[in-house]
PDB file of all heavy atoms in Angstrom:
ATOM      1  N   SER A   1       0.827  -1.208   0.044  1.00  0.00           N
ATOM      2  CA  SER A   1      -0.030  -0.083   0.056  1.00  0.00           C
ATOM      3  C   SER A   1       0.891   1.300  -0.031  1.00  0.00           C
ATOM      4  O   SER A   1       0.429   2.366  -0.527  1.00  0.00           O
ATOM      5  CB  SER A   1      -0.905   0.057   1.274  1.00  0.00           C
ATOM      6  OG  SER A   1      -0.175   0.127   2.353  1.00  0.00           O
ATOM      7  N   GLY A   2       2.132   1.112   0.566  1.00  0.00           N
ATOM      8  CA  GLY A   2       2.914   2.331   0.597  1.00  0.00           C
ATOM      9  C   GLY A   2       2.603   3.286   1.724  1.00  0.00           C
ATOM     10  O   GLY A   2       3.192   4.327   1.710  1.00  0.00           O
ATOM     11  N   ARG A   3       1.606   2.945   2.623  1.00  0.00           N
ATOM     12  CA  ARG A   3       1.179   3.856   3.511  1.00  0.00           C
ATOM     13  C   ARG A   3       2.080   4.058   4.699  1.00  0.00           C
ATOM     14  O   ARG A   3       2.828   3.095   4.891  1.00  0.00           O
ATOM     15  CB  ARG A   3      -0.231   3.461   3.975  1.00  0.00           C
ATOM     16  CG  ARG A   3      -0.384   2.253   4.920  1.00  0.00           C
ATOM     17  CD  ARG A   3      -1.681   1.967   5.443  1.00  0.00           C
ATOM     18  NE  ARG A   3      -1.732   0.812   6.323  1.00  0.00           N
ATOM     19  CZ  ARG A   3      -1.931  -0.427   5.992  1.00  0.00           C
ATOM     20  NH1 ARG A   3      -2.001  -0.781   4.661  1.00  0.00           N
ATOM     21  NH2 ARG A   3      -1.912  -1.333   6.829  1.00  0.00           N
ATOM     22  N   LEU A   4       1.898   5.002   5.360  1.00  0.00           N
ATOM     23  CA  LEU A   4       2.637   5.163   6.718  1.00  0.00           C
ATOM     24  C   LEU A   4       1.704   4.586   7.741  1.00  0.00           C
ATOM     25  O   LEU A   4       0.653   5.140   8.027  1.00  0.00           O
ATOM     26  CB  LEU A   4       2.770   6.744   6.959  1.00  0.00           C
ATOM     27  CG  LEU A   4       3.707   7.100   8.140  1.00  0.00           C
ATOM     28  CD1 LEU A   4       5.082   6.628   7.955  1.00  0.00           C
ATOM     29  CD2 LEU A   4       3.679   8.699   8.223  1.00  0.00           C
ATOM     30  N   ASP A   5       2.140   3.512   8.365  1.00  0.00           N
ATOM     31  CA  ASP A   5       1.276   2.668   9.221  1.00  0.00           C
ATOM     32  C   ASP A   5       1.307   3.258  10.586  1.00  0.00           C
ATOM     33  O   ASP A   5       1.700   2.607  11.502  1.00  0.00           O
ATOM     34  CB  ASP A   5       1.721   1.186   9.147  1.00  0.00           C
ATOM     35  CG  ASP A   5       0.519   0.271   9.439  1.00  0.00           C
ATOM     36  OD1 ASP A   5      -0.501   0.709   9.942  1.00  0.00           O
ATOM     37  OD2 ASP A   5       0.695  -1.002   9.227  1.00  0.00           O
ATOM     38  N   SER A   6       0.669   4.409  10.717  1.00  0.00           N
ATOM     39  CA  SER A   6       0.657   5.249  12.009  1.00  0.00           C
ATOM     40  C   SER A   6      -0.258   4.397  13.010  1.00  0.00           C
ATOM     41  O   SER A   6       0.085   4.458  14.253  1.00  0.00           O
ATOM     42  CB  SER A   6       0.276   6.500  11.775  1.00  0.00           C
ATOM     43  OG  SER A   6      -1.075   6.690  11.102  1.00  0.00           O
ATOM     44  N   ALA A   7      -1.336   3.800  12.503  1.00  0.00           N
ATOM     45  CA  ALA A   7      -2.338   3.200  13.453  1.00  0.00           C
ATOM     46  C   ALA A   7      -1.585   1.988  14.175  1.00  0.00           C
ATOM     47  O   ALA A   7      -1.803   1.843  15.352  1.00  0.00           O
ATOM     48  CB  ALA A   7      -3.510   2.763  12.715  1.00  0.00           C
ATOM     49  N   ARG A   8      -0.911   1.221  13.419  1.00  0.00           N
ATOM     50  CA  ARG A   8      -0.176   0.094  13.943  1.00  0.00           C
ATOM     51  C   ARG A   8       0.887   0.580  14.966  1.00  0.00           C
ATOM     52  O   ARG A   8       1.039  -0.098  15.994  1.00  0.00           O
ATOM     53  CB  ARG A   8       0.345  -0.765  12.887  1.00  0.00           C
ATOM     54  CG  ARG A   8       1.226  -1.944  13.396  1.00  0.00           C
ATOM     55  CD  ARG A   8       1.188  -3.103  12.375  1.00  0.00           C
ATOM     56  NE  ARG A   8      -0.204  -3.536  12.100  1.00  0.00           N
ATOM     57  CZ  ARG A   8      -0.490  -4.397  11.187  1.00  0.00           C
ATOM     58  NH1 ARG A   8       0.453  -4.859  10.300  1.00  0.00           N
ATOM     59  NH2 ARG A   8      -1.697  -4.797  10.963  1.00  0.00           N
ATOM     60  N   ALA A   9       1.559   1.669  14.573  1.00  0.00           N
ATOM     61  CA  ALA A   9       2.587   2.169  15.577  1.00  0.00           C
ATOM     62  C   ALA A   9       1.916   2.702  16.841  1.00  0.00           C
ATOM     63  O   ALA A   9       2.464   2.469  17.944  1.00  0.00           O
ATOM     64  CB  ALA A   9       3.305   3.396  14.909  1.00  0.00           C
ATOM     65  N   GLU A  10       0.696   3.262  16.779  1.00  0.00           N
ATOM     66  CA  GLU A  10       0.110   3.730  17.983  1.00  0.00           C
ATOM     67  C   GLU A  10      -0.455   2.521  18.799  1.00  0.00           C
ATOM     68  O   GLU A  10      -0.353   2.623  20.054  1.00  0.00           O
ATOM     69  CB  GLU A  10      -1.113   4.635  17.589  1.00  0.00           C
ATOM     70  CG  GLU A  10      -0.717   5.926  16.956  1.00  0.00           C
ATOM     71  CD  GLU A  10       0.088   6.765  17.928  1.00  0.00           C
ATOM     72  OE1 GLU A  10       0.023   6.654  19.180  1.00  0.00           O
ATOM     73  OE2 GLU A  10       0.851   7.623  17.400  1.00  0.00           O
ATOM     74  N   VAL A  11      -0.871   1.476  18.324  1.00  0.00           N
ATOM     75  CA  VAL A  11      -1.203   0.334  19.035  1.00  0.00           C
ATOM     76  C   VAL A  11      -0.009  -0.224  19.765  1.00  0.00           C
ATOM     77  O   VAL A  11      -0.140  -0.600  20.949  1.00  0.00           O
ATOM     78  CB  VAL A  11      -1.848  -0.778  18.096  1.00  0.00           C
ATOM     79  CG1 VAL A  11      -1.903  -2.182  18.781  1.00  0.00           C
ATOM     80  CG2 VAL A  11      -3.207  -0.376  17.642  1.00  0.00           C
ATOM     81  N   LEU A  12       1.092  -0.380  19.083  1.00  0.00           N
ATOM     82  CA  LEU A  12       2.226  -0.854  19.779  1.00  0.00           C
ATOM     83  C   LEU A  12       2.745   0.078  20.916  1.00  0.00           C
ATOM     84  O   LEU A  12       3.273  -0.400  21.901  1.00  0.00           O
ATOM     85  CB  LEU A  12       3.405  -1.041  18.741  1.00  0.00           C
ATOM     86  CG  LEU A  12       3.131  -2.142  17.755  1.00  0.00           C
ATOM     87  CD1 LEU A  12       4.278  -2.223  16.620  1.00  0.00           C
ATOM     88  CD2 LEU A  12       3.124  -3.587  18.422  1.00  0.00           C
ATOM     89  N   ALA A  13       2.555   1.418  20.685  1.00  0.00           N
ATOM     90  CA  ALA A  13       2.957   2.389  21.734  1.00  0.00           C
ATOM     91  C   ALA A  13       2.163   2.228  23.021  1.00  0.00           C
ATOM     92  O   ALA A  13       2.579   2.345  24.050  1.00  0.00           O
ATOM     93  CB  ALA A  13       2.920   3.786  21.038  1.00  0.00           C
ATOM     94  N   ARG A  14       0.840   1.916  22.716  1.00  0.00           N
ATOM     95  CA  ARG A  14      -0.058   1.713  23.867  1.00  0.00           C
ATOM     96  C   ARG A  14       0.320   0.565  24.680  1.00  0.00           C
ATOM     97  O   ARG A  14      -0.030   0.420  25.894  1.00  0.00           O
ATOM     98  CB  ARG A  14      -1.479   1.692  23.451  1.00  0.00           C
ATOM     99  CG  ARG A  14      -2.120   3.015  23.020  1.00  0.00           C
ATOM    100  CD  ARG A  14      -3.593   3.054  22.958  1.00  0.00           C
ATOM    101  NE  ARG A  14      -4.183   2.044  22.183  1.00  0.00           N
ATOM    102  CZ  ARG A  14      -4.459   2.281  20.924  1.00  0.00           C
ATOM    103  NH1 ARG A  14      -4.180   3.459  20.323  1.00  0.00           N
ATOM    104  NH2 ARG A  14      -5.136   1.298  20.204  1.00  0.00           N
ATOM    105  N   ALA A  15       1.013  -0.381  24.047  1.00  0.00           N
ATOM    106  CA  ALA A  15       1.552  -1.563  24.753  1.00  0.00           C
ATOM    107  C   ALA A  15       2.863  -1.373  25.337  1.00  0.00           C
ATOM    108  O   ALA A  15       3.492  -2.332  25.928  1.00  0.00           O
ATOM    109  CB  ALA A  15       1.520  -2.849  23.835  1.00  0.00           C
ATOM    110  N   GLY A  16       3.430  -0.180  25.131  1.00  0.00           N
ATOM    111  CA  GLY A  16       4.652   0.034  25.826  1.00  0.00           C
ATOM    112  C   GLY A  16       5.932   0.202  24.890  1.00  0.00           C
ATOM    113  O   GLY A  16       7.040   0.322  25.385  1.00  0.00           O
ATOM    114  N   ALA A  17       5.693   0.134  23.514  1.00  0.00           N
ATOM    115  CA  ALA A  17       6.843   0.246  22.655  1.00  0.00           C
ATOM    116  C   ALA A  17       7.033   1.685  22.197  1.00  0.00           C
ATOM    117  O   ALA A  17       6.155   2.446  22.079  1.00  0.00           O
ATOM    118  CB  ALA A  17       6.610  -0.651  21.417  1.00  0.00           C
ATOM    119  N   THR A  18       8.315   2.005  21.847  1.00  0.00           N
ATOM    120  CA  THR A  18       8.542   3.121  21.037  1.00  0.00           C
ATOM    121  C   THR A  18       8.502   2.784  19.641  1.00  0.00           C
ATOM    122  O   THR A  18       9.564   2.011  19.161  1.00  0.00           O
ATOM    123  CB  THR A  18       9.983   3.728  21.388  1.00  0.00           C
ATOM    124  OG1 THR A  18       9.936   4.061  22.850  1.00  0.00           O
ATOM    125  CG2 THR A  18      10.296   4.952  20.659  1.00  0.00           C
ATOM    126  N   ALA A  19       7.447   3.070  19.023  1.00  0.00           N
ATOM    127  CA  ALA A  19       7.199   2.564  17.620  1.00  0.00           C
ATOM    128  C   ALA A  19       7.415   3.613  16.582  1.00  0.00           C
ATOM    129  O   ALA A  19       6.947   4.773  16.714  1.00  0.00           O
ATOM    130  CB  ALA A  19       5.854   1.949  17.561  1.00  0.00           C
ATOM    131  N   LEU A  20       8.218   3.274  15.537  1.00  0.00           N
ATOM    132  CA  LEU A  20       8.431   4.170  14.430  1.00  0.00           C
ATOM    133  C   LEU A  20       7.909   3.638  13.173  1.00  0.00           C
ATOM    134  O   LEU A  20       8.471   2.652  12.624  1.00  0.00           O
ATOM    135  CB  LEU A  20       9.918   4.483  14.347  1.00  0.00           C
ATOM    136  CG  LEU A  20      10.287   5.461  13.196  1.00  0.00           C
ATOM    137  CD1 LEU A  20       9.693   6.864  13.413  1.00  0.00           C
ATOM    138  CD2 LEU A  20      11.842   5.663  13.113  1.00  0.00           C
ATOM    139  N   ALA A  21       6.809   4.211  12.619  1.00  0.00           N
ATOM    140  CA  ALA A  21       6.300   3.806  11.338  1.00  0.00           C
ATOM    141  C   ALA A  21       7.101   4.436  10.256  1.00  0.00           C
ATOM    142  O   ALA A  21       7.276   5.655  10.272  1.00  0.00           O
ATOM    143  CB  ALA A  21       4.830   4.051  11.141  1.00  0.00           C
ATOM    144  N   LEU A  22       7.456   3.722   9.205  1.00  0.00           N
ATOM    145  CA  LEU A  22       8.226   4.286   8.090  1.00  0.00           C
ATOM    146  C   LEU A  22       7.509   4.090   6.790  1.00  0.00           C
ATOM    147  O   LEU A  22       7.111   2.959   6.479  1.00  0.00           O
ATOM    148  CB  LEU A  22       9.590   3.536   8.015  1.00  0.00           C
ATOM    149  CG  LEU A  22      10.471   3.816   6.782  1.00  0.00           C
ATOM    150  CD1 LEU A  22      10.922   5.337   6.738  1.00  0.00           C
ATOM    151  CD2 LEU A  22      11.616   2.846   6.719  1.00  0.00           C
ATOM    152  N   ARG A  23       7.434   5.217   5.966  1.00  0.00           N
ATOM    153  CA  ARG A  23       6.913   5.001   4.664  1.00  0.00           C
ATOM    154  C   ARG A  23       8.151   4.779   3.826  1.00  0.00           C
ATOM    155  O   ARG A  23       9.080   5.579   3.736  1.00  0.00           O
ATOM    156  CB  ARG A  23       6.210   6.308   4.211  1.00  0.00           C
ATOM    157  CG  ARG A  23       5.784   6.208   2.711  1.00  0.00           C
ATOM    158  CD  ARG A  23       5.323   7.597   2.224  1.00  0.00           C
ATOM    159  NE  ARG A  23       3.945   7.910   2.785  1.00  0.00           N
ATOM    160  CZ  ARG A  23       3.827   8.944   3.554  1.00  0.00           C
ATOM    161  NH1 ARG A  23       4.886   9.747   3.921  1.00  0.00           N
ATOM    162  NH2 ARG A  23       2.585   9.239   4.059  1.00  0.00           N
ATOM    163  N   TRP A  24       8.268   3.627   3.171  1.00  0.00           N
ATOM    164  CA  TRP A  24       9.506   3.223   2.495  1.00  0.00           C
ATOM    165  C   TRP A  24       9.513   3.358   0.991  1.00  0.00           C
ATOM    166  O   TRP A  24      10.484   3.070   0.343  1.00  0.00           O
ATOM    167  CB  TRP A  24       9.899   1.875   2.929  1.00  0.00           C
ATOM    168  CG  TRP A  24       8.842   0.713   2.798  1.00  0.00           C
ATOM    169  CD1 TRP A  24       7.899   0.347   3.747  1.00  0.00           C
ATOM    170  CD2 TRP A  24       8.704  -0.106   1.681  1.00  0.00           C
ATOM    171  NE1 TRP A  24       7.233  -0.605   3.256  1.00  0.00           N
ATOM    172  CE2 TRP A  24       7.609  -1.017   2.034  1.00  0.00           C
ATOM    173  CE3 TRP A  24       9.318  -0.354   0.434  1.00  0.00           C
ATOM    174  CZ2 TRP A  24       7.190  -1.991   1.167  1.00  0.00           C
ATOM    175  CZ3 TRP A  24       8.937  -1.249  -0.481  1.00  0.00           C
ATOM    176  CH2 TRP A  24       7.897  -2.087  -0.024  1.00  0.00           C
ATOM    177  N   PHE A  25       8.395   3.784   0.374  1.00  0.00           N
ATOM    178  CA  PHE A  25       8.402   4.155  -0.967  1.00  0.00           C
ATOM    179  C   PHE A  25       7.209   5.035  -1.231  1.00  0.00           C
ATOM    180  O   PHE A  25       6.300   5.108  -0.476  1.00  0.00           O
ATOM    181  CB  PHE A  25       8.235   2.870  -1.937  1.00  0.00           C
ATOM    182  CG  PHE A  25       6.890   2.245  -2.043  1.00  0.00           C
ATOM    183  CD1 PHE A  25       6.000   2.687  -3.015  1.00  0.00           C
ATOM    184  CD2 PHE A  25       6.456   1.256  -1.126  1.00  0.00           C
ATOM    185  CE1 PHE A  25       4.689   2.107  -2.997  1.00  0.00           C
ATOM    186  CE2 PHE A  25       5.254   0.707  -1.193  1.00  0.00           C
ATOM    187  CZ  PHE A  25       4.309   1.188  -2.131  1.00  0.00           C
ATOM    188  N   GLY A  26       7.355   5.826  -2.358  1.00  0.00           N
ATOM    189  CA  GLY A  26       6.349   6.774  -2.657  1.00  0.00           C
ATOM    190  C   GLY A  26       6.298   8.016  -1.954  1.00  0.00           C
ATOM    191  O   GLY A  26       5.442   8.923  -2.273  1.00  0.00           O
ATOM    192  N   GLY A  27       7.224   8.226  -1.086  1.00  0.00           N
ATOM    193  CA  GLY A  27       7.316   9.528  -0.287  1.00  0.00           C
ATOM    194  C   GLY A  27       8.316  10.355  -0.820  1.00  0.00           C
ATOM    195  O   GLY A  27       9.048  10.141  -1.847  1.00  0.00           O
ATOM    196  N   ALA A  28       8.654  11.426   0.037  1.00  0.00           N
ATOM    197  CA  ALA A  28       9.566  12.445  -0.369  1.00  0.00           C
ATOM    198  C   ALA A  28      10.998  11.803  -0.467  1.00  0.00           C
ATOM    199  O   ALA A  28      11.435  11.049   0.424  1.00  0.00           O
ATOM    200  CB  ALA A  28       9.723  13.597   0.586  1.00  0.00           C
ATOM    201  N   GLU A  29      11.783  11.955  -1.609  1.00  0.00           N
ATOM    202  CA  GLU A  29      13.118  11.413  -1.800  1.00  0.00           C
ATOM    203  C   GLU A  29      13.160   9.915  -1.725  1.00  0.00           C
ATOM    204  O   GLU A  29      14.128   9.397  -1.233  1.00  0.00           O
ATOM    205  CB  GLU A  29      14.050  12.118  -0.810  1.00  0.00           C
ATOM    206  CG  GLU A  29      14.005  13.625  -0.927  1.00  0.00           C
ATOM    207  CD  GLU A  29      14.940  14.283   0.125  1.00  0.00           C
ATOM    208  OE1 GLU A  29      15.653  13.463   0.837  1.00  0.00           O
ATOM    209  OE2 GLU A  29      14.934  15.468   0.305  1.00  0.00           O
ATOM    210  N   GLN A  30      12.094   9.247  -2.148  1.00  0.00           N
ATOM    211  CA  GLN A  30      11.951   7.835  -2.099  1.00  0.00           C
ATOM    212  C   GLN A  30      11.763   7.228  -3.535  1.00  0.00           C
ATOM    213  O   GLN A  30      11.196   7.937  -4.307  1.00  0.00           O
ATOM    214  CB  GLN A  30      10.973   7.314  -1.008  1.00  0.00           C
ATOM    215  CG  GLN A  30      11.272   7.639   0.369  1.00  0.00           C
ATOM    216  CD  GLN A  30      10.231   7.092   1.332  1.00  0.00           C
ATOM    217  OE1 GLN A  30       9.102   6.898   0.853  1.00  0.00           O
ATOM    218  NE2 GLN A  30      10.616   6.777   2.460  1.00  0.00           N
ATOM    219  N   PRO A  31      11.972   5.945  -3.759  1.00  0.00           N
ATOM    220  CA  PRO A  31      11.545   5.311  -5.010  1.00  0.00           C
ATOM    221  C   PRO A  31       9.991   5.426  -5.003  1.00  0.00           C
ATOM    222  O   PRO A  31       9.355   5.357  -4.058  1.00  0.00           O
ATOM    223  CB  PRO A  31      11.980   3.895  -4.794  1.00  0.00           C
ATOM    224  CG  PRO A  31      13.157   3.940  -3.839  1.00  0.00           C
ATOM    225  CD  PRO A  31      12.747   5.044  -2.955  1.00  0.00           C
ATOM    226  N   PRO A  32       9.552   5.795  -6.303  1.00  0.00           N
ATOM    227  CA  PRO A  32       8.073   5.956  -6.414  1.00  0.00           C
ATOM    228  C   PRO A  32       7.227   4.598  -6.322  1.00  0.00           C
ATOM    229  O   PRO A  32       6.120   4.673  -5.938  1.00  0.00           O
ATOM    230  CB  PRO A  32       7.937   6.469  -7.968  1.00  0.00           C
ATOM    231  CG  PRO A  32       9.183   5.963  -8.627  1.00  0.00           C
ATOM    232  CD  PRO A  32      10.212   5.976  -7.520  1.00  0.00           C
ATOM    233  N   THR A  33       7.884   3.581  -6.614  1.00  0.00           N
ATOM    234  CA  THR A  33       7.189   2.221  -6.413  1.00  0.00           C
ATOM    235  C   THR A  33       8.149   1.255  -5.597  1.00  0.00           C
ATOM    236  O   THR A  33       9.327   1.632  -5.496  1.00  0.00           O
ATOM    237  CB  THR A  33       6.926   1.563  -7.785  1.00  0.00           C
ATOM    238  OG1 THR A  33       8.149   1.368  -8.468  1.00  0.00           O
ATOM    239  CG2 THR A  33       5.968   2.476  -8.628  1.00  0.00           C
ATOM    240  N   PRO A  34       7.649   0.122  -5.073  1.00  0.00           N
ATOM    241  CA  PRO A  34       8.436  -0.827  -4.493  1.00  0.00           C
ATOM    242  C   PRO A  34       9.455  -1.514  -5.378  1.00  0.00           C
ATOM    243  O   PRO A  34       9.215  -2.660  -5.897  1.00  0.00           O
ATOM    244  CB  PRO A  34       7.585  -1.749  -3.801  1.00  0.00           C
ATOM    245  CG  PRO A  34       6.313  -1.710  -4.497  1.00  0.00           C
ATOM    246  CD  PRO A  34       6.253  -0.272  -5.050  1.00  0.00           C
ATOM    247  N   CYS A  35      10.535  -0.825  -5.785  1.00  0.00           N
ATOM    248  CA  CYS A  35      11.373  -1.368  -6.849  1.00  0.00           C
ATOM    249  C   CYS A  35      12.813  -0.776  -6.518  1.00  0.00           C
ATOM    250  O   CYS A  35      12.987   0.498  -6.454  1.00  0.00           O
ATOM    251  CB  CYS A  35      11.009  -1.044  -8.306  1.00  0.00           C
ATOM    252  SG  CYS A  35      12.043  -1.781  -9.574  1.00  0.00           S
ATOM    253  N   GLU A  36      13.847  -1.659  -6.382  1.00  0.00           N
ATOM    254  CA  GLU A  36      15.175  -1.314  -6.033  1.00  0.00           C
ATOM    255  C   GLU A  36      15.182  -0.297  -4.874  1.00  0.00           C
ATOM    256  O   GLU A  36      15.801   0.755  -4.961  1.00  0.00           O
ATOM    257  CB  GLU A  36      15.883  -0.768  -7.219  1.00  0.00           C
ATOM    258  CG  GLU A  36      16.027  -1.740  -8.335  1.00  0.00           C
ATOM    259  CD  GLU A  36      16.970  -1.356  -9.462  1.00  0.00           C
ATOM    260  OE1 GLU A  36      17.307  -0.220  -9.604  1.00  0.00           O
ATOM    261  OE2 GLU A  36      17.402  -2.340 -10.177  1.00  0.00           O
ATOM    262  N   VAL A  37      14.500  -0.600  -3.851  1.00  0.00           N
ATOM    263  CA  VAL A  37      14.412   0.212  -2.585  1.00  0.00           C
ATOM    264  C   VAL A  37      15.694  -0.168  -1.806  1.00  0.00           C
ATOM    265  O   VAL A  37      15.948  -1.416  -1.530  1.00  0.00           O
ATOM    266  CB  VAL A  37      13.107  -0.092  -1.712  1.00  0.00           C
ATOM    267  CG1 VAL A  37      13.258   0.633  -0.416  1.00  0.00           C
ATOM    268  CG2 VAL A  37      11.922   0.189  -2.528  1.00  0.00           C
ATOM    269  N   PRO A  38      16.403   0.847  -1.327  1.00  0.00           N
ATOM    270  CA  PRO A  38      17.758   0.429  -0.527  1.00  0.00           C
ATOM    271  C   PRO A  38      17.396  -0.117   0.751  1.00  0.00           C
ATOM    272  O   PRO A  38      16.605   0.534   1.496  1.00  0.00           O
ATOM    273  CB  PRO A  38      18.396   1.772  -0.437  1.00  0.00           C
ATOM    274  CG  PRO A  38      17.834   2.618  -1.576  1.00  0.00           C
ATOM    275  CD  PRO A  38      16.411   2.172  -1.669  1.00  0.00           C
ATOM    276  N   VAL A  39      17.962  -1.200   1.074  1.00  0.00           N
ATOM    277  CA  VAL A  39      17.774  -1.847   2.401  1.00  0.00           C
ATOM    278  C   VAL A  39      18.329  -0.937   3.442  1.00  0.00           C
ATOM    279  O   VAL A  39      17.924  -0.932   4.588  1.00  0.00           O
ATOM    280  CB  VAL A  39      18.315  -3.269   2.453  1.00  0.00           C
ATOM    281  CG1 VAL A  39      18.357  -3.797   3.836  1.00  0.00           C
ATOM    282  CG2 VAL A  39      17.597  -4.224   1.591  1.00  0.00           C
ATOM    283  N   GLU A  40      19.377  -0.191   3.047  1.00  0.00           N
ATOM    284  CA  GLU A  40      19.972   0.793   3.994  1.00  0.00           C
ATOM    285  C   GLU A  40      19.032   1.721   4.586  1.00  0.00           C
ATOM    286  O   GLU A  40      19.185   2.338   5.701  1.00  0.00           O
ATOM    287  CB  GLU A  40      21.153   1.503   3.360  1.00  0.00           C
ATOM    288  CG  GLU A  40      22.392   0.727   3.018  1.00  0.00           C
ATOM    289  CD  GLU A  40      22.232  -0.078   1.728  1.00  0.00           C
ATOM    290  OE1 GLU A  40      21.164  -0.054   1.102  1.00  0.00           O
ATOM    291  OE2 GLU A  40      23.304  -0.652   1.357  1.00  0.00           O
ATOM    292  N   MET A  41      17.845   1.998   3.907  1.00  0.00           N
ATOM    293  CA  MET A  41      16.890   2.973   4.485  1.00  0.00           C
ATOM    294  C   MET A  41      16.283   2.448   5.709  1.00  0.00           C
ATOM    295  O   MET A  41      16.112   3.193   6.695  1.00  0.00           O
ATOM    296  CB  MET A  41      15.717   3.063   3.410  1.00  0.00           C
ATOM    297  CG  MET A  41      14.609   3.998   3.922  1.00  0.00           C
ATOM    298  SD  MET A  41      13.158   3.966   2.957  1.00  0.00           S
ATOM    299  CE  MET A  41      13.828   4.163   1.233  1.00  0.00           C
ATOM    300  N   PHE A  42      16.059   1.168   5.882  1.00  0.00           N
ATOM    301  CA  PHE A  42      15.468   0.504   7.020  1.00  0.00           C
ATOM    302  C   PHE A  42      16.642   0.508   8.128  1.00  0.00           C
ATOM    303  O   PHE A  42      16.260   0.733   9.258  1.00  0.00           O
ATOM    304  CB  PHE A  42      15.092  -0.933   6.759  1.00  0.00           C
ATOM    305  CG  PHE A  42      14.149  -0.948   5.612  1.00  0.00           C
ATOM    306  CD1 PHE A  42      14.423  -1.559   4.410  1.00  0.00           C
ATOM    307  CD2 PHE A  42      12.856  -0.390   5.776  1.00  0.00           C
ATOM    308  CE1 PHE A  42      13.617  -1.634   3.401  1.00  0.00           C
ATOM    309  CE2 PHE A  42      11.894  -0.505   4.611  1.00  0.00           C
ATOM    310  CZ  PHE A  42      12.253  -1.116   3.474  1.00  0.00           C
ATOM    311  N   VAL A  43      17.857   0.302   7.744  1.00  0.00           N
ATOM    312  CA  VAL A  43      18.942   0.337   8.719  1.00  0.00           C
ATOM    313  C   VAL A  43      19.016   1.713   9.389  1.00  0.00           C
ATOM    314  O   VAL A  43      19.274   1.908  10.524  1.00  0.00           O
ATOM    315  CB  VAL A  43      20.302  -0.096   8.147  1.00  0.00           C
ATOM    316  CG1 VAL A  43      21.426   0.135   9.070  1.00  0.00           C
ATOM    317  CG2 VAL A  43      20.217  -1.487   7.676  1.00  0.00           C
ATOM    318  N   GLU A  44      18.861   2.779   8.504  1.00  0.00           N
ATOM    319  CA  GLU A  44      18.931   4.131   8.996  1.00  0.00           C
ATOM    320  C   GLU A  44      17.768   4.385   9.914  1.00  0.00           C
ATOM    321  O   GLU A  44      18.014   5.140  10.939  1.00  0.00           O
ATOM    322  CB  GLU A  44      18.979   5.114   7.835  1.00  0.00           C
ATOM    323  CG  GLU A  44      19.027   6.589   8.299  1.00  0.00           C
ATOM    324  CD  GLU A  44      19.124   7.593   7.066  1.00  0.00           C
ATOM    325  OE1 GLU A  44      19.492   7.062   6.015  1.00  0.00           O
ATOM    326  OE2 GLU A  44      18.650   8.701   7.267  1.00  0.00           O
TER     327      GLU A  44
END
């Protein structure tokens, strides 16, 4: 879907996690589609 999964991050936060949802394609300065997405983005 390419969405920023903020709802899931909030559910995890209510359970005690520091949750960071990441939009990993289709956003600013990102690949427009899920194709050749750098794995380093997730490491960062």
